[in-house]
Protein backbone atom coordinates (compact mmCIF):
# COMPACT_ATOMS: atom_id res chain seq x y z
CA MET A 1 -11.58 15.87 -1.61
CA SER A 2 -11.40 16.24 2.03
CA LEU A 3 -9.59 14.09 4.94
CA SER A 4 -11.66 15.58 7.47
CA SER A 5 -14.51 13.77 9.30
CA GLU A 6 -17.17 15.76 7.49
CA GLU A 7 -18.02 13.36 5.04
CA THR A 8 -20.18 10.38 6.38
CA PRO A 9 -19.19 6.86 5.47
CA GLU A 10 -22.10 6.19 2.94
CA ALA A 11 -20.83 9.46 1.15
CA SER A 12 -17.40 8.23 0.83
CA GLY A 13 -18.51 4.95 -0.22
CA PRO A 14 -18.76 3.09 -3.41
CA HIS A 15 -20.31 5.95 -5.35
CA LEU A 16 -17.76 8.87 -4.34
CA ARG A 17 -14.25 8.11 -5.48
CA LEU A 18 -10.93 9.80 -4.92
CA PRO A 19 -8.92 11.44 -7.69
CA GLY A 20 -7.30 8.69 -9.36
CA GLY A 21 -9.64 5.98 -7.73
CA PRO A 22 -12.19 3.68 -9.52
CA THR A 23 -15.81 4.51 -9.80
CA ALA A 24 -18.83 2.28 -10.63
CA GLY A 25 -18.76 1.60 -14.42
CA SER A 26 -15.26 3.32 -14.72
CA PRO A 27 -11.95 2.05 -16.13
CA ALA A 28 -11.42 0.03 -13.08
CA ALA A 29 -13.63 -2.50 -14.84
CA LEU A 30 -11.33 -2.77 -17.84
CA SER A 31 -9.02 -5.78 -18.18
CA PRO A 32 -5.40 -4.89 -16.88
CA GLU A 33 -4.02 -4.67 -20.40
CA SER A 34 -6.60 -2.29 -21.27
CA ALA A 35 -6.37 -0.15 -18.36
CA ALA A 36 -2.46 -0.01 -18.59
CA SER A 37 -2.75 1.26 -22.08
CA ALA A 38 -5.51 3.80 -21.11
CA ARG A 39 -3.36 5.02 -18.15
CA SER A 40 -0.32 5.56 -20.76
CA SER A 41 -1.91 8.11 -22.56
CA VAL A 42 -2.62 10.58 -19.62
CA ALA A 43 -0.19 12.09 -17.08
CA ARG A 44 -0.09 10.31 -13.95
CA GLU A 45 -1.54 12.32 -10.84
CA THR A 46 0.82 12.78 -7.80
CA VAL A 47 -0.63 10.73 -5.00
CA PHE A 48 1.48 11.64 -2.30
CA THR A 49 4.52 14.31 -2.00
CA SER A 50 6.75 14.11 0.69
CA ARG A 51 9.17 17.33 1.18
CA GLY A 52 12.02 16.98 3.81
CA VAL A 53 10.26 14.35 6.00
CA SER A 54 11.88 13.48 9.12
CA VAL A 55 10.74 10.94 12.10
CA ASN A 56 11.74 10.58 15.42
CA TYR A 57 10.93 8.13 18.17
CA GLY A 58 11.77 10.09 21.20
CA ALA A 59 15.32 11.28 21.14
CA LYS A 60 15.95 8.82 18.20
CA ARG A 61 16.06 9.98 14.75
CA ALA A 62 14.80 7.08 12.63
CA LEU A 63 14.45 8.93 9.30
CA GLU A 64 15.80 12.08 7.90
CA ASN A 65 14.88 14.35 5.18
CA VAL A 66 12.88 12.17 2.70
CA THR A 67 11.76 13.82 -0.52
CA LEU A 68 9.74 11.89 -3.16
CA GLU A 69 6.69 11.89 -4.98
CA ILE A 70 4.37 8.87 -5.54
CA GLU A 71 2.42 8.59 -8.58
CA SER A 72 -1.12 7.23 -9.18
CA ASN A 73 -1.56 3.38 -10.54
CA TYR A 74 2.21 2.48 -10.13
CA ALA A 75 3.51 0.12 -7.83
CA THR A 76 6.38 1.78 -6.09
CA ALA A 77 8.58 -0.54 -4.17
CA PHE A 78 10.96 0.54 -1.05
CA ILE A 79 14.01 -1.26 -0.58
CA GLY A 80 17.06 -1.31 1.65
CA PRO A 81 18.81 -2.81 4.63
CA SER A 82 16.93 -3.68 7.86
CA GLY A 83 16.49 -0.59 10.04
CA CYS A 84 16.78 2.06 7.29
CA GLY A 85 13.27 3.51 7.98
CA LYS A 86 11.43 2.17 4.72
CA SER A 87 8.66 0.52 6.75
CA THR A 88 8.59 3.76 8.95
CA PHE A 89 7.98 5.76 5.96
CA LEU A 90 5.46 3.28 4.62
CA ARG A 91 3.39 3.71 7.87
CA CYS A 92 3.70 7.58 7.78
CA LEU A 93 1.77 7.38 4.53
CA ASN A 94 -1.56 6.27 6.37
CA ARG A 95 -0.68 7.35 10.06
CA MET A 96 0.04 4.11 11.43
CA ASN A 97 2.83 5.45 13.77
CA ASP A 98 0.60 7.83 15.48
CA SER A 99 0.05 5.21 18.44
CA ILE A 100 3.89 4.57 18.93
CA THR A 101 5.08 6.46 22.22
CA GLY A 102 7.35 9.31 21.08
CA PHE A 103 6.66 9.46 17.37
CA LYS A 104 7.17 12.77 15.88
CA ILE A 105 7.01 13.43 12.16
CA ASP A 106 8.61 16.81 10.49
CA GLY A 107 8.30 18.16 7.04
CA ASP A 108 5.51 18.05 5.00
CA LEU A 109 3.55 14.96 3.78
CA LEU A 110 0.68 15.53 1.42
CA TYR A 111 -1.85 13.17 0.13
CA HIS A 112 -3.45 14.70 -3.41
CA GLY A 113 -2.40 18.09 -1.99
CA HIS A 114 -3.93 17.61 1.45
CA ASP A 115 -1.64 17.47 4.29
CA LEU A 116 -2.01 14.26 6.01
CA TYR A 117 -1.11 15.51 9.41
CA GLY A 118 -2.48 18.70 9.50
CA SER A 119 -5.17 19.54 12.17
CA GLY A 120 -8.08 19.08 9.92
CA ALA A 121 -7.21 15.60 8.86
CA ASN A 122 -9.08 12.48 10.40
CA ARG A 123 -7.07 9.53 10.85
CA VAL A 124 -10.39 7.35 10.12
CA GLU A 125 -10.74 8.84 6.83
CA VAL A 126 -6.92 8.78 6.01
CA ARG A 127 -7.01 5.19 6.92
CA ARG A 128 -10.10 4.35 4.88
CA ARG A 129 -8.62 6.11 1.79
CA ILE A 130 -5.10 4.36 2.31
CA GLY A 131 -5.28 0.74 3.30
CA MET A 132 -2.81 -1.44 4.52
CA VAL A 133 -1.68 -5.28 4.72
CA PHE A 134 1.09 -6.13 6.95
CA GLN A 135 3.95 -8.44 6.97
CA LYS A 136 2.09 -11.38 8.81
CA PRO A 137 -1.39 -12.34 7.92
CA ASN A 138 -3.65 -11.12 10.32
CA PRO A 139 -7.38 -12.49 9.74
CA PHE A 140 -9.86 -11.87 12.11
CA PRO A 141 -11.02 -15.22 14.14
CA LYS A 142 -14.31 -14.77 12.26
CA SER A 143 -15.56 -16.39 9.04
CA ILE A 144 -14.15 -15.65 5.49
CA TYR A 145 -17.31 -13.40 4.52
CA ASP A 146 -17.27 -11.44 8.01
CA ASN A 147 -13.33 -10.78 7.49
CA VAL A 148 -14.17 -9.06 4.27
CA ALA A 149 -17.11 -7.40 5.59
CA TRP A 150 -15.93 -5.89 8.74
CA ALA A 151 -14.57 -2.76 7.81
CA ALA A 152 -17.42 -1.86 5.61
CA ARG A 153 -19.84 -2.68 8.24
CA ASN A 154 -17.85 -0.51 10.55
CA LEU A 155 -17.99 2.53 8.05
CA GLY A 156 -21.75 2.26 7.66
CA MET A 157 -21.16 0.68 4.12
CA LYS A 158 -24.09 -1.83 4.68
CA GLN A 159 -25.92 -1.55 1.14
CA ASP A 160 -25.13 -4.56 -1.16
CA LEU A 161 -22.79 -5.88 1.08
CA ASP A 162 -22.80 -9.26 -0.52
CA GLU A 163 -21.75 -7.95 -3.83
CA ARG A 164 -19.02 -5.94 -2.00
CA VAL A 165 -17.64 -9.13 -0.68
CA GLU A 166 -17.47 -10.86 -3.85
CA ARG A 167 -16.00 -8.05 -5.80
CA ALA A 168 -13.12 -7.67 -3.09
CA LEU A 169 -12.65 -11.52 -2.94
CA ARG A 170 -12.45 -11.42 -6.91
CA SER A 171 -10.23 -8.45 -6.90
CA ALA A 172 -7.74 -10.68 -4.44
CA ALA A 173 -8.06 -13.80 -6.60
CA LEU A 174 -9.83 -15.66 -3.89
CA TRP A 175 -13.20 -15.91 -4.89
CA ASP A 176 -13.23 -19.19 -6.83
CA GLU A 177 -11.18 -20.69 -3.98
CA VAL A 178 -13.57 -19.75 -1.22
CA LYS A 179 -17.05 -19.02 -2.49
CA ASP A 180 -18.44 -22.27 -1.34
CA ARG A 181 -17.16 -21.61 2.32
CA LEU A 182 -17.49 -18.15 2.97
CA LYS A 183 -19.24 -18.89 6.35
CA ALA A 184 -16.12 -21.02 7.40
CA SER A 185 -13.45 -19.73 9.78
CA ALA A 186 -10.72 -17.63 7.97
CA LEU A 187 -8.18 -19.21 10.22
CA GLY A 188 -8.79 -22.32 8.37
CA LEU A 189 -7.02 -21.07 5.24
CA SER A 190 -3.48 -21.41 4.01
CA GLY A 191 -0.86 -18.70 4.96
CA GLY A 192 -1.19 -17.38 1.07
CA GLN A 193 -4.78 -17.42 1.14
CA GLN A 194 -4.94 -15.72 4.39
CA GLN A 195 -2.79 -12.83 2.88
CA ARG A 196 -5.00 -12.46 -0.14
CA LEU A 197 -7.89 -12.49 2.21
CA CYS A 198 -6.23 -9.43 4.16
CA ILE A 199 -5.72 -8.03 0.82
CA ALA A 200 -9.54 -8.45 -0.04
CA ARG A 201 -10.43 -7.06 3.43
CA ALA A 202 -8.28 -3.66 2.63
CA VAL A 203 -9.91 -3.28 -0.94
CA ALA A 204 -13.44 -3.87 0.32
CA ILE A 205 -14.18 -0.58 1.10
CA GLU A 206 -12.65 0.75 -2.17
CA PRO A 207 -9.38 2.64 -0.72
CA ASP A 208 -7.36 4.93 -3.42
CA VAL A 209 -4.07 3.42 -2.12
CA VAL A 210 -3.12 0.29 -1.03
CA LEU A 211 0.22 -0.08 1.30
CA LEU A 212 2.12 -3.52 1.71
CA ASP A 213 4.74 -4.19 4.20
CA GLU A 214 6.64 -7.00 3.20
CA PRO A 215 3.46 -9.14 2.25
CA ALA A 216 5.08 -11.97 0.85
CA SER A 217 8.12 -12.56 3.45
CA ALA A 218 6.13 -15.46 5.40
CA LEU A 219 5.02 -17.30 2.40
CA ASP A 220 6.38 -19.97 0.11
CA PRO A 221 7.53 -19.34 -3.53
CA ILE A 222 4.45 -20.43 -4.85
CA ALA A 223 1.94 -18.31 -2.42
CA THR A 224 4.52 -15.50 -3.12
CA ALA A 225 4.22 -15.86 -7.08
CA ALA A 226 0.49 -15.53 -6.37
CA ILE A 227 0.59 -12.31 -4.39
CA GLU A 228 2.89 -10.85 -7.02
CA ASP A 229 0.84 -11.37 -9.80
CA LEU A 230 -2.13 -9.84 -7.75
CA ILE A 231 -0.10 -6.69 -7.15
CA THR A 232 0.32 -6.48 -11.07
CA ALA A 233 -3.41 -6.80 -11.34
CA LEU A 234 -4.18 -4.44 -8.54
CA LYS A 235 -2.48 -1.61 -10.27
CA SER A 236 -5.36 -0.90 -12.63
CA GLN A 237 -7.50 0.05 -9.76
CA TYR A 238 -5.32 1.06 -6.95
CA THR A 239 -1.99 2.88 -6.32
CA ILE A 240 0.35 0.27 -4.62
CA VAL A 241 3.40 1.03 -2.45
CA ILE A 242 5.35 -1.88 -1.28
CA VAL A 243 8.14 -2.37 1.04
CA THR A 244 10.14 -5.51 0.41
CA HIS A 245 13.58 -7.12 1.23
CA ASN A 246 13.51 -9.13 -2.07
CA MET A 247 15.22 -7.06 -4.57
CA GLN A 248 13.91 -9.63 -7.36
CA GLN A 249 10.42 -9.09 -6.26
CA ALA A 250 10.85 -5.36 -6.44
CA MET A 251 12.28 -5.92 -10.03
CA ARG A 252 9.17 -8.07 -11.03
CA VAL A 253 6.40 -5.81 -9.69
CA ALA A 254 7.43 -2.16 -9.31
CA ASP A 255 7.28 0.44 -11.73
CA LYS A 256 9.47 2.79 -9.39
CA THR A 257 11.68 1.87 -6.67
CA ALA A 258 13.27 3.88 -3.60
CA PHE A 259 16.39 2.91 -1.87
CA PHE A 260 16.67 3.59 1.53
CA SER A 261 19.77 3.18 3.60
CA LEU A 262 21.91 4.27 6.64
CA ASP A 263 23.75 7.36 6.78
CA GLU A 264 27.05 7.54 8.53
CA SER A 265 25.19 8.47 11.87
CA ARG A 266 23.23 5.42 11.33
CA ILE A 267 19.89 7.24 10.60
CA GLY A 268 17.61 6.23 7.82
CA THR A 269 17.59 8.18 4.72
CA LEU A 270 16.43 8.25 1.07
CA ILE A 271 19.43 7.63 -1.08
CA GLU A 272 17.90 7.01 -4.63
CA TYR A 273 14.51 7.15 -6.36
CA GLU A 274 14.26 6.01 -9.89
CA THR A 275 12.26 3.91 -12.48
CA THR A 276 12.68 0.08 -11.31
CA ASP A 277 14.52 -0.44 -14.77
CA LYS A 278 17.24 2.36 -14.32
CA LEU A 279 17.68 1.85 -10.59
CA PHE A 280 18.68 -1.63 -11.08
CA SER A 281 20.46 -1.56 -14.45
CA ARG A 282 21.94 2.16 -14.17
CA PRO A 283 22.25 3.09 -10.67
CA GLY A 284 23.10 6.60 -9.89
CA ASP A 285 24.73 6.47 -6.52
CA LYS A 286 27.43 4.20 -5.61
CA ARG A 287 25.69 3.00 -2.49
CA THR A 288 22.82 1.82 -4.25
CA GLU A 289 25.09 -0.11 -6.80
CA ALA A 290 26.84 -1.58 -3.83
CA TYR A 291 23.48 -2.88 -2.34
CA ILE A 292 22.05 -4.28 -5.10
CA THR A 293 25.10 -6.32 -6.10
CA GLY A 294 25.31 -7.59 -2.70
CA GLN A 295 28.13 -5.86 -1.21
CA PHE A 296 26.25 -5.24 1.86
CA GLY A 297 22.82 -5.54 3.57
């Protein structure tokens, strides 16, 4: 597996999968319950390894010394107060911060053992393998079909495009709601449907990882529940990393949770990283306990 630009888009398309990712006819086609059972019988692969990662925006230090590992086919949640660097770190995972003036990252950030910021890493390939869905739904002013097909077309994955679009919409639990109006504008969908469409757009190119930056913060409770159910279902096929301000949401969907906060110098830092059950029921740091019990934040 390489993050360089030497692979052609077709070669890295539906028939070539990353470690931990699904292939045609692989266990990704199993039910979530069967897939979960199969996963529990094998050791989990490490997808991301962060060693002493720090981030600056110009002279301002935003994040200090983050060390953790994220495992395959888990949903991992990042929680913490505003400004603590959790979204900054999430965006480091697929190099979305690169275009920000003054951005600088130190430390080691590895994806399946490959340096995400090494000289041989290609940003387009990184973002193909590590998809992202943002806080506010951002469908293109195009048809529902063209939204889902957009990235695949741009990457040269044009074979069996109709099947790819249908598969992505089914994965996002949206197919039954839109199958009779695929040529209609995506802007006519509800907010919750638009966010699921954005998830379908992200998974249409069969990434290994899906990053979600507060994907339900702008949605009503019913739409939020649909997104949470979708996250739980997607874990059987993808590694999920989600930023959320909603601690109850983290408890519902995440297998592991990382708590970020601000140190005495008001710099974002990782305080605690544990299984979700342990972090919320038996936190190992007083700062974590103070946050989850509502003493600050």
